[in-house]
Amino acid sequence: MTSRTPAPALDDVSKRIVEVLQEDGRLSYAAIGKAVGLSEAAVRQRVQRLLDGGVMQIVAVTDPLQVGFARQAMIGIRAEGDTRIVADHLAEVAEIDYVVITAGSFDILVEAVCEDDDGLLDVINSKIRAIPGVVGTETFVYLKLRKQLYNWGTR
């Protein structure tokens, strides 16, 4: 894991900056400043602190099918031992873009994005099941993406 600067306290202005960027991550610092009542330089500093503190990321979200990844799946994992260690190993797998430790039927849920079924099979058999502590998996193959948003705002 990478070390981060401690997360800054989120005042109302920083929260609004996050919300504005969730609506359109391509806005200029000047446009964000206009929306939140700060100078361009002040917005630039705040955004950098939010990035450095791990509060947010600014990324391009793609449709996996349109960029060559025809197979996505959510994989439920049952583990023994320390689930945090298993989750850390799973987070190192390149094809896995989402890892959460859960309560319920599965100890960990991961999302895998692969080029095809052979790639998914390789991830499950050669990468996930090879991790010490993994005792079982259940794969939920995505048939159609109906909604994917990242604009839930702040509290």
C-alpha atoms as a PDB file:
ATOM      1  CA  MET A   1       0.000   0.000   0.000  1.00  0.00           C
ATOM      2  CA  THR A   2       1.165   3.517  -0.746  1.00  0.00           C
ATOM      3  CA  SER A   3       1.595   5.963   2.091  1.00  0.00           C
ATOM      4  CA  ARG A   4      -0.644   8.972   1.943  1.00  0.00           C
ATOM      5  CA  THR A   5      -0.786  12.360   3.476  1.00  0.00           C
ATOM      6  CA  PRO A   6      -3.385  12.379   6.267  1.00  0.00           C
ATOM      7  CA  ALA A   7      -6.852  13.089   4.884  1.00  0.00           C
ATOM      8  CA  PRO A   8      -7.773  16.752   5.252  1.00  0.00           C
ATOM      9  CA  ALA A   9     -10.807  17.759   7.251  1.00  0.00           C
ATOM     10  CA  LEU A  10     -13.641  18.320   4.823  1.00  0.00           C
ATOM     11  CA  ASP A  11     -15.246  21.701   5.276  1.00  0.00           C
ATOM     12  CA  ASP A  12     -18.288  22.704   3.234  1.00  0.00           C
ATOM     13  CA  VAL A  13     -16.154  24.217   0.458  1.00  0.00           C
ATOM     14  CA  SER A  14     -14.036  21.081   0.030  1.00  0.00           C
ATOM     15  CA  LYS A  15     -17.193  18.963  -0.024  1.00  0.00           C
ATOM     16  CA  ARG A  16     -18.624  21.199  -2.728  1.00  0.00           C
ATOM     17  CA  ILE A  17     -15.404  20.880  -4.768  1.00  0.00           C
ATOM     18  CA  VAL A  18     -15.738  17.083  -4.608  1.00  0.00           C
ATOM     19  CA  GLU A  19     -19.380  17.275  -5.674  1.00  0.00           C
ATOM     20  CA  VAL A  20     -18.588  19.622  -8.585  1.00  0.00           C
ATOM     21  CA  LEU A  21     -15.829  17.268  -9.777  1.00  0.00           C
ATOM     22  CA  GLN A  22     -18.175  14.281  -9.479  1.00  0.00           C
ATOM     23  CA  GLU A  23     -20.514  16.067 -11.877  1.00  0.00           C
ATOM     24  CA  ASP A  24     -17.704  16.881 -14.338  1.00  0.00           C
ATOM     25  CA  GLY A  25     -14.129  15.852 -13.576  1.00  0.00           C
ATOM     26  CA  ARG A  26     -12.847  17.854 -16.564  1.00  0.00           C
ATOM     27  CA  LEU A  27     -13.730  21.283 -15.183  1.00  0.00           C
ATOM     28  CA  SER A  28     -10.913  23.794 -14.943  1.00  0.00           C
ATOM     29  CA  TYR A  29      -9.790  25.115 -11.583  1.00  0.00           C
ATOM     30  CA  ALA A  30     -11.191  28.497 -12.615  1.00  0.00           C
ATOM     31  CA  ALA A  31     -14.631  27.021 -13.321  1.00  0.00           C
ATOM     32  CA  ILE A  32     -14.605  25.120 -10.021  1.00  0.00           C
ATOM     33  CA  GLY A  33     -13.545  28.309  -8.241  1.00  0.00           C
ATOM     34  CA  LYS A  34     -16.480  30.156  -9.754  1.00  0.00           C
ATOM     35  CA  ALA A  35     -18.864  27.433  -8.556  1.00  0.00           C
ATOM     36  CA  VAL A  36     -17.521  27.402  -4.989  1.00  0.00           C
ATOM     37  CA  GLY A  37     -16.440  31.021  -4.508  1.00  0.00           C
ATOM     38  CA  LEU A  38     -12.645  30.544  -4.408  1.00  0.00           C
ATOM     39  CA  SER A  39      -9.738  31.668  -6.544  1.00  0.00           C
ATOM     40  CA  GLU A  40      -8.228  29.300  -9.092  1.00  0.00           C
ATOM     41  CA  ALA A  41      -5.067  28.989  -6.954  1.00  0.00           C
ATOM     42  CA  ALA A  42      -7.076  28.156  -3.815  1.00  0.00           C
ATOM     43  CA  VAL A  43      -9.032  25.470  -5.685  1.00  0.00           C
ATOM     44  CA  ARG A  44      -5.802  23.998  -7.078  1.00  0.00           C
ATOM     45  CA  GLN A  45      -4.375  23.725  -3.539  1.00  0.00           C
ATOM     46  CA  ARG A  46      -7.532  22.170  -2.123  1.00  0.00           C
ATOM     47  CA  VAL A  47      -7.839  19.657  -4.952  1.00  0.00           C
ATOM     48  CA  GLN A  48      -4.204  18.646  -4.478  1.00  0.00           C
ATOM     49  CA  ARG A  49      -4.766  18.137  -0.724  1.00  0.00           C
ATOM     50  CA  LEU A  50      -7.854  16.015  -1.444  1.00  0.00           C
ATOM     51  CA  LEU A  51      -5.860  13.918  -3.920  1.00  0.00           C
ATOM     52  CA  ASP A  52      -2.826  13.592  -1.633  1.00  0.00           C
ATOM     53  CA  GLY A  53      -5.046  12.659   1.311  1.00  0.00           C
ATOM     54  CA  GLY A  54      -6.788   9.883  -0.629  1.00  0.00           C
ATOM     55  CA  VAL A  55     -10.185  11.554  -0.288  1.00  0.00           C
ATOM     56  CA  MET A  56     -10.721  11.399  -4.048  1.00  0.00           C
ATOM     57  CA  GLN A  57      -9.215  10.400  -7.370  1.00  0.00           C
ATOM     58  CA  ILE A  58      -9.775  11.991 -10.733  1.00  0.00           C
ATOM     59  CA  VAL A  59      -9.985   9.266 -13.369  1.00  0.00           C
ATOM     60  CA  ALA A  60     -11.609   8.490 -16.691  1.00  0.00           C
ATOM     61  CA  VAL A  61     -14.339   5.890 -16.223  1.00  0.00           C
ATOM     62  CA  THR A  62     -14.736   3.764 -19.325  1.00  0.00           C
ATOM     63  CA  ASP A  63     -17.219   1.270 -20.675  1.00  0.00           C
ATOM     64  CA  PRO A  64     -15.102  -1.919 -20.457  1.00  0.00           C
ATOM     65  CA  LEU A  65     -16.723  -3.429 -23.555  1.00  0.00           C
ATOM     66  CA  GLN A  66     -15.696  -0.478 -25.697  1.00  0.00           C
ATOM     67  CA  VAL A  67     -12.048  -0.646 -24.605  1.00  0.00           C
ATOM     68  CA  GLY A  68     -11.498  -4.376 -25.137  1.00  0.00           C
ATOM     69  CA  PHE A  69     -12.660  -5.992 -21.876  1.00  0.00           C
ATOM     70  CA  ALA A  70     -15.588  -8.236 -22.809  1.00  0.00           C
ATOM     71  CA  ARG A  71     -15.810 -10.144 -19.515  1.00  0.00           C
ATOM     72  CA  GLN A  72     -16.529  -8.651 -16.101  1.00  0.00           C
ATOM     73  CA  ALA A  73     -17.520 -10.523 -12.986  1.00  0.00           C
ATOM     74  CA  MET A  74     -18.110 -10.048  -9.288  1.00  0.00           C
ATOM     75  CA  ILE A  75     -16.457 -12.858  -7.370  1.00  0.00           C
ATOM     76  CA  GLY A  76     -17.466 -13.816  -3.850  1.00  0.00           C
ATOM     77  CA  ILE A  77     -14.578 -15.288  -1.893  1.00  0.00           C
ATOM     78  CA  ARG A  78     -14.667 -17.385   1.257  1.00  0.00           C
ATOM     79  CA  ALA A  79     -11.450 -17.197   3.224  1.00  0.00           C
ATOM     80  CA  GLU A  80      -9.871 -18.597   6.344  1.00  0.00           C
ATOM     81  CA  GLY A  81      -7.456 -16.782   8.592  1.00  0.00           C
ATOM     82  CA  ASP A  82      -6.948 -13.032   8.431  1.00  0.00           C
ATOM     83  CA  THR A  83      -9.176 -11.705   5.640  1.00  0.00           C
ATOM     84  CA  ARG A  84      -7.168  -8.476   5.546  1.00  0.00           C
ATOM     85  CA  ILE A  85      -4.100 -10.388   4.376  1.00  0.00           C
ATOM     86  CA  VAL A  86      -6.112 -12.243   1.726  1.00  0.00           C
ATOM     87  CA  ALA A  87      -7.665  -8.946   0.583  1.00  0.00           C
ATOM     88  CA  ASP A  88      -4.218  -7.362   0.291  1.00  0.00           C
ATOM     89  CA  HIS A  89      -3.074 -10.219  -1.974  1.00  0.00           C
ATOM     90  CA  LEU A  90      -6.219  -9.884  -4.081  1.00  0.00           C
ATOM     91  CA  ALA A  91      -5.610  -6.146  -4.442  1.00  0.00           C
ATOM     92  CA  GLU A  92      -2.290  -6.939  -6.135  1.00  0.00           C
ATOM     93  CA  VAL A  93      -3.978  -8.862  -8.989  1.00  0.00           C
ATOM     94  CA  ALA A  94      -3.949  -6.597 -12.052  1.00  0.00           C
ATOM     95  CA  GLU A  95      -7.349  -7.741 -13.372  1.00  0.00           C
ATOM     96  CA  ILE A  96      -9.078  -7.002 -10.065  1.00  0.00           C
ATOM     97  CA  ASP A  97     -10.256  -3.409  -9.757  1.00  0.00           C
ATOM     98  CA  TYR A  98     -12.386  -3.597  -6.604  1.00  0.00           C
ATOM     99  CA  VAL A  99     -11.789  -5.409  -3.318  1.00  0.00           C
ATOM    100  CA  VAL A 100     -13.994  -5.190  -0.217  1.00  0.00           C
ATOM    101  CA  ILE A 101     -14.006  -7.185   2.991  1.00  0.00           C
ATOM    102  CA  THR A 102     -17.609  -8.043   3.792  1.00  0.00           C
ATOM    103  CA  ALA A 103     -19.866  -9.667   6.337  1.00  0.00           C
ATOM    104  CA  GLY A 104     -22.315 -12.319   5.209  1.00  0.00           C
ATOM    105  CA  SER A 105     -22.041 -15.272   2.864  1.00  0.00           C
ATOM    106  CA  PHE A 106     -18.682 -14.117   1.524  1.00  0.00           C
ATOM    107  CA  ASP A 107     -15.680 -12.778   3.370  1.00  0.00           C
ATOM    108  CA  ILE A 108     -14.462 -10.728   0.418  1.00  0.00           C
ATOM    109  CA  LEU A 109     -15.990  -9.465  -2.829  1.00  0.00           C
ATOM    110  CA  VAL A 110     -13.850  -8.561  -5.825  1.00  0.00           C
ATOM    111  CA  GLU A 111     -14.608  -7.296  -9.295  1.00  0.00           C
ATOM    112  CA  ALA A 112     -12.553  -8.677 -12.153  1.00  0.00           C
ATOM    113  CA  VAL A 113     -12.309  -7.063 -15.582  1.00  0.00           C
ATOM    114  CA  CYS A 114     -10.898  -9.370 -18.260  1.00  0.00           C
ATOM    115  CA  GLU A 115     -10.571  -9.489 -22.027  1.00  0.00           C
ATOM    116  CA  ASP A 116     -12.529 -12.737 -22.363  1.00  0.00           C
ATOM    117  CA  ASP A 117     -13.687 -15.922 -20.616  1.00  0.00           C
ATOM    118  CA  ASP A 118     -10.219 -17.475 -20.843  1.00  0.00           C
ATOM    119  CA  GLY A 119      -8.817 -14.451 -19.027  1.00  0.00           C
ATOM    120  CA  LEU A 120     -11.460 -14.731 -16.303  1.00  0.00           C
ATOM    121  CA  LEU A 121     -10.780 -18.442 -15.925  1.00  0.00           C
ATOM    122  CA  ASP A 122      -7.071 -17.689 -15.516  1.00  0.00           C
ATOM    123  CA  VAL A 123      -7.763 -15.036 -12.872  1.00  0.00           C
ATOM    124  CA  ILE A 124      -9.989 -17.393 -10.872  1.00  0.00           C
ATOM    125  CA  ASN A 125      -7.866 -20.537 -11.131  1.00  0.00           C
ATOM    126  CA  SER A 126      -4.303 -19.247 -11.328  1.00  0.00           C
ATOM    127  CA  LYS A 127      -4.490 -16.045  -9.316  1.00  0.00           C
ATOM    128  CA  ILE A 128      -7.397 -15.987  -6.833  1.00  0.00           C
ATOM    129  CA  ARG A 129      -7.502 -19.672  -5.851  1.00  0.00           C
ATOM    130  CA  ALA A 130      -3.697 -19.717  -5.548  1.00  0.00           C
ATOM    131  CA  ILE A 131      -3.763 -17.167  -2.716  1.00  0.00           C
ATOM    132  CA  PRO A 132      -3.201 -18.751   0.710  1.00  0.00           C
ATOM    133  CA  GLY A 133      -6.376 -18.516   2.774  1.00  0.00           C
ATOM    134  CA  VAL A 134      -8.830 -18.646  -0.142  1.00  0.00           C
ATOM    135  CA  VAL A 135     -11.100 -21.641   0.462  1.00  0.00           C
ATOM    136  CA  GLY A 136     -13.850 -21.041  -2.078  1.00  0.00           C
ATOM    137  CA  THR A 137     -15.167 -18.730  -4.769  1.00  0.00           C
ATOM    138  CA  GLU A 138     -18.469 -18.030  -6.458  1.00  0.00           C
ATOM    139  CA  THR A 139     -18.459 -16.064  -9.689  1.00  0.00           C
ATOM    140  CA  PHE A 140     -21.238 -13.753 -10.871  1.00  0.00           C
ATOM    141  CA  VAL A 141     -20.648 -12.967 -14.547  1.00  0.00           C
ATOM    142  CA  TYR A 142     -21.947  -9.592 -15.718  1.00  0.00           C
ATOM    143  CA  LEU A 143     -24.343  -9.885 -18.646  1.00  0.00           C
ATOM    144  CA  LYS A 144     -25.208  -6.200 -19.082  1.00  0.00           C
ATOM    145  CA  LEU A 145     -24.116  -3.038 -17.302  1.00  0.00           C
ATOM    146  CA  ARG A 146     -27.227  -0.973 -16.604  1.00  0.00           C
ATOM    147  CA  LYS A 147     -25.923   1.681 -14.225  1.00  0.00           C
ATOM    148  CA  GLN A 148     -22.515   2.857 -13.059  1.00  0.00           C
ATOM    149  CA  LEU A 149     -22.348   6.223 -11.326  1.00  0.00           C
ATOM    150  CA  TYR A 150     -19.856   7.852  -9.002  1.00  0.00           C
ATOM    151  CA  ASN A 151     -21.747  11.009  -8.097  1.00  0.00           C
ATOM    152  CA  TRP A 152     -23.084  10.212  -4.645  1.00  0.00           C
ATOM    153  CA  GLY A 153     -21.767  13.487  -3.232  1.00  0.00           C
ATOM    154  CA  THR A 154     -20.492  14.004   0.304  1.00  0.00           C
ATOM    155  CA  ARG A 155     -21.916  14.098   3.815  1.00  0.00           C
END
